């Protein structure tokens, strides 16, 4: 069985961190309290408005990870 290449895992981690970080910064700029529920709500809105299918998928993965 082959594993996922380390470079792919690293890139995915960086992308997810960036998406979550951007959500936190956007909430901060809006003066919204940084809480998990607010981050999830923000990301859900971003996912619904995103036209790029790949980015919409990544946002969905971020939502899933934060929802665990």
N, C-alpha and C. Protein backbone atom coordinates (compact mmCIF):
# COMPACT_ATOMS: atom_id res chain seq x y z
N UNK A 1 0.84 -1.18 0.00
CA UNK A 1 0.00 0.00 0.00
C UNK A 1 0.89 1.25 0.00
N UNK A 2 0.59 2.16 -0.88
CA UNK A 2 1.37 3.39 -0.97
C UNK A 2 0.72 4.47 -0.11
N UNK A 3 1.57 5.25 0.54
CA UNK A 3 1.07 6.36 1.35
C UNK A 3 0.97 7.62 0.52
N UNK A 4 0.46 8.64 1.15
CA UNK A 4 0.37 9.95 0.50
C UNK A 4 1.75 10.59 0.56
N UNK A 5 2.24 11.11 -0.55
CA UNK A 5 3.56 11.73 -0.56
C UNK A 5 3.64 12.88 0.47
N UNK A 6 4.78 12.95 1.14
CA UNK A 6 4.99 13.95 2.19
C UNK A 6 4.75 15.37 1.68
N UNK A 7 5.17 15.64 0.47
CA UNK A 7 5.00 16.97 -0.10
C UNK A 7 3.51 17.33 -0.25
N UNK A 8 2.70 16.36 -0.63
CA UNK A 8 1.26 16.58 -0.77
C UNK A 8 0.63 16.86 0.58
N UNK A 9 1.02 16.10 1.58
CA UNK A 9 0.49 16.32 2.94
C UNK A 9 0.88 17.71 3.43
N UNK A 10 2.12 18.10 3.21
CA UNK A 10 2.59 19.42 3.65
C UNK A 10 1.82 20.54 2.95
N UNK A 11 1.61 20.39 1.65
CA UNK A 11 0.88 21.41 0.89
C UNK A 11 -0.56 21.51 1.38
N UNK A 12 -1.19 20.36 1.64
CA UNK A 12 -2.57 20.36 2.13
C UNK A 12 -2.65 21.03 3.48
N UNK A 13 -1.71 20.73 4.36
CA UNK A 13 -1.67 21.35 5.69
C UNK A 13 -1.53 22.86 5.58
N UNK A 14 -0.64 23.31 4.73
CA UNK A 14 -0.42 24.75 4.54
C UNK A 14 -1.67 25.42 3.98
N UNK A 15 -2.32 24.78 3.03
CA UNK A 15 -3.53 25.35 2.43
C UNK A 15 -4.65 25.45 3.44
N UNK A 16 -4.86 24.40 4.23
CA UNK A 16 -5.91 24.43 5.25
C UNK A 16 -5.60 25.49 6.31
N UNK A 17 -4.36 25.59 6.72
CA UNK A 17 -3.96 26.60 7.70
C UNK A 17 -4.22 28.00 7.16
N UNK A 18 -3.94 28.19 5.89
CA UNK A 18 -4.16 29.50 5.27
C UNK A 18 -5.65 29.84 5.22
N UNK A 19 -6.48 28.89 4.85
CA UNK A 19 -7.93 29.13 4.77
C UNK A 19 -8.48 29.49 6.15
N UNK A 20 -8.08 28.73 7.16
CA UNK A 20 -8.56 29.00 8.52
C UNK A 20 -8.01 30.33 9.02
N UNK A 21 -6.76 30.60 8.76
CA UNK A 21 -6.15 31.87 9.16
C UNK A 21 -6.82 33.07 8.51
N UNK A 22 -7.15 32.94 7.23
CA UNK A 22 -7.84 34.03 6.53
C UNK A 22 -9.22 34.28 7.14
N UNK A 23 -9.89 33.22 7.53
CA UNK A 23 -11.21 33.36 8.17
C UNK A 23 -11.07 34.10 9.50
N UNK A 24 -10.08 33.73 10.28
CA UNK A 24 -9.85 34.38 11.57
C UNK A 24 -9.53 35.85 11.39
N UNK A 25 -8.69 36.16 10.42
CA UNK A 25 -8.33 37.57 10.18
C UNK A 25 -9.54 38.37 9.70
N UNK A 26 -10.36 37.78 8.85
CA UNK A 26 -11.56 38.47 8.37
C UNK A 26 -12.51 38.76 9.53
N UNK A 27 -12.70 37.79 10.41
CA UNK A 27 -13.56 38.01 11.57
C UNK A 27 -12.98 39.09 12.47
N UNK A 28 -11.69 39.06 12.67
CA UNK A 28 -11.02 40.07 13.50
C UNK A 28 -11.22 41.47 12.93
N UNK A 29 -11.06 41.61 11.62
CA UNK A 29 -11.26 42.92 10.97
C UNK A 29 -12.70 43.40 11.11
N UNK A 30 -13.64 42.47 11.17
CA UNK A 30 -15.05 42.81 11.31
C UNK A 30 -15.43 43.08 12.77
N UNK A 31 -14.50 42.82 13.67
CA UNK A 31 -14.77 43.02 15.09
C UNK A 31 -15.58 41.89 15.71
N UNK A 32 -15.61 40.75 15.04
CA UNK A 32 -16.37 39.60 15.53
C UNK A 32 -15.48 38.80 16.48
N UNK A 33 -16.07 38.31 17.56
CA UNK A 33 -15.33 37.50 18.52
C UNK A 33 -14.83 36.22 17.84
N UNK A 34 -13.57 35.89 18.08
CA UNK A 34 -12.96 34.71 17.46
C UNK A 34 -13.36 33.48 18.28
N UNK A 35 -14.41 32.83 17.84
CA UNK A 35 -14.90 31.61 18.46
C UNK A 35 -15.14 30.58 17.37
N UNK A 36 -15.09 29.32 17.74
CA UNK A 36 -15.22 28.24 16.76
C UNK A 36 -16.50 28.38 15.95
N UNK A 37 -17.62 28.64 16.60
CA UNK A 37 -18.89 28.77 15.88
C UNK A 37 -18.86 29.88 14.86
N UNK A 38 -18.23 31.00 15.20
CA UNK A 38 -18.13 32.12 14.26
C UNK A 38 -17.23 31.78 13.08
N UNK A 39 -16.15 31.06 13.34
CA UNK A 39 -15.25 30.65 12.26
C UNK A 39 -15.98 29.70 11.31
N UNK A 40 -16.72 28.74 11.88
CA UNK A 40 -17.47 27.79 11.05
C UNK A 40 -18.54 28.50 10.23
N UNK A 41 -19.23 29.45 10.83
CA UNK A 41 -20.26 30.21 10.11
C UNK A 41 -19.62 30.99 8.96
N UNK A 42 -18.50 31.63 9.24
CA UNK A 42 -17.81 32.40 8.20
C UNK A 42 -17.38 31.49 7.05
N UNK A 43 -16.75 30.35 7.39
CA UNK A 43 -16.28 29.44 6.35
C UNK A 43 -17.43 28.85 5.54
N UNK A 44 -18.55 28.58 6.20
CA UNK A 44 -19.72 28.06 5.49
C UNK A 44 -20.20 29.08 4.47
N UNK A 45 -20.23 30.35 4.85
CA UNK A 45 -20.62 31.40 3.92
C UNK A 45 -19.64 31.52 2.77
N UNK A 46 -18.35 31.42 3.08
CA UNK A 46 -17.33 31.47 2.03
C UNK A 46 -17.50 30.30 1.06
N UNK A 47 -17.77 29.12 1.60
CA UNK A 47 -17.94 27.94 0.76
C UNK A 47 -19.14 28.11 -0.17
N UNK A 48 -20.22 28.63 0.35
CA UNK A 48 -21.42 28.83 -0.46
C UNK A 48 -21.21 29.85 -1.58
N UNK A 49 -20.36 30.84 -1.33
CA UNK A 49 -20.13 31.90 -2.31
C UNK A 49 -18.97 31.62 -3.26
N UNK A 50 -18.19 30.59 -2.96
CA UNK A 50 -17.00 30.28 -3.77
C UNK A 50 -17.40 29.63 -5.09
N UNK A 51 -16.85 30.16 -6.17
CA UNK A 51 -17.15 29.59 -7.49
C UNK A 51 -16.12 28.55 -7.93
N UNK A 52 -14.92 28.60 -7.37
CA UNK A 52 -13.87 27.64 -7.71
C UNK A 52 -14.13 26.33 -6.96
N UNK A 53 -14.35 25.27 -7.71
CA UNK A 53 -14.72 23.98 -7.11
C UNK A 53 -13.63 23.44 -6.18
N UNK A 54 -12.36 23.59 -6.57
CA UNK A 54 -11.27 23.08 -5.74
C UNK A 54 -11.19 23.85 -4.42
N UNK A 55 -11.32 25.16 -4.48
CA UNK A 55 -11.28 25.96 -3.24
C UNK A 55 -12.51 25.66 -2.37
N UNK A 56 -13.65 25.46 -2.99
CA UNK A 56 -14.86 25.12 -2.25
C UNK A 56 -14.65 23.78 -1.51
N UNK A 57 -13.98 22.84 -2.16
CA UNK A 57 -13.67 21.56 -1.54
C UNK A 57 -12.75 21.76 -0.33
N UNK A 58 -11.69 22.52 -0.50
CA UNK A 58 -10.74 22.77 0.58
C UNK A 58 -11.42 23.44 1.77
N UNK A 59 -12.29 24.42 1.49
CA UNK A 59 -13.03 25.07 2.57
C UNK A 59 -13.90 24.03 3.29
N UNK A 60 -14.49 23.13 2.54
CA UNK A 60 -15.30 22.06 3.14
C UNK A 60 -14.46 21.15 4.04
N UNK A 61 -13.25 20.86 3.62
CA UNK A 61 -12.34 20.04 4.44
C UNK A 61 -12.00 20.80 5.73
N UNK A 62 -11.74 22.09 5.62
CA UNK A 62 -11.45 22.91 6.82
C UNK A 62 -12.63 22.90 7.77
N UNK A 63 -13.82 23.05 7.24
CA UNK A 63 -15.04 23.01 8.05
C UNK A 63 -15.14 21.65 8.76
N UNK A 64 -14.91 20.59 8.02
CA UNK A 64 -14.97 19.25 8.59
C UNK A 64 -13.96 19.05 9.70
N UNK A 65 -12.75 19.51 9.50
CA UNK A 65 -11.71 19.36 10.53
C UNK A 65 -12.05 20.14 11.79
N UNK A 66 -12.58 21.34 11.62
CA UNK A 66 -12.92 22.16 12.77
C UNK A 66 -14.17 21.65 13.48
N UNK A 67 -14.96 20.86 12.79
CA UNK A 67 -16.22 20.35 13.36
C UNK A 67 -16.02 19.07 14.16
N UNK A 68 -14.86 18.48 14.09
CA UNK A 68 -14.60 17.21 14.80
C UNK A 68 -14.50 17.45 16.28
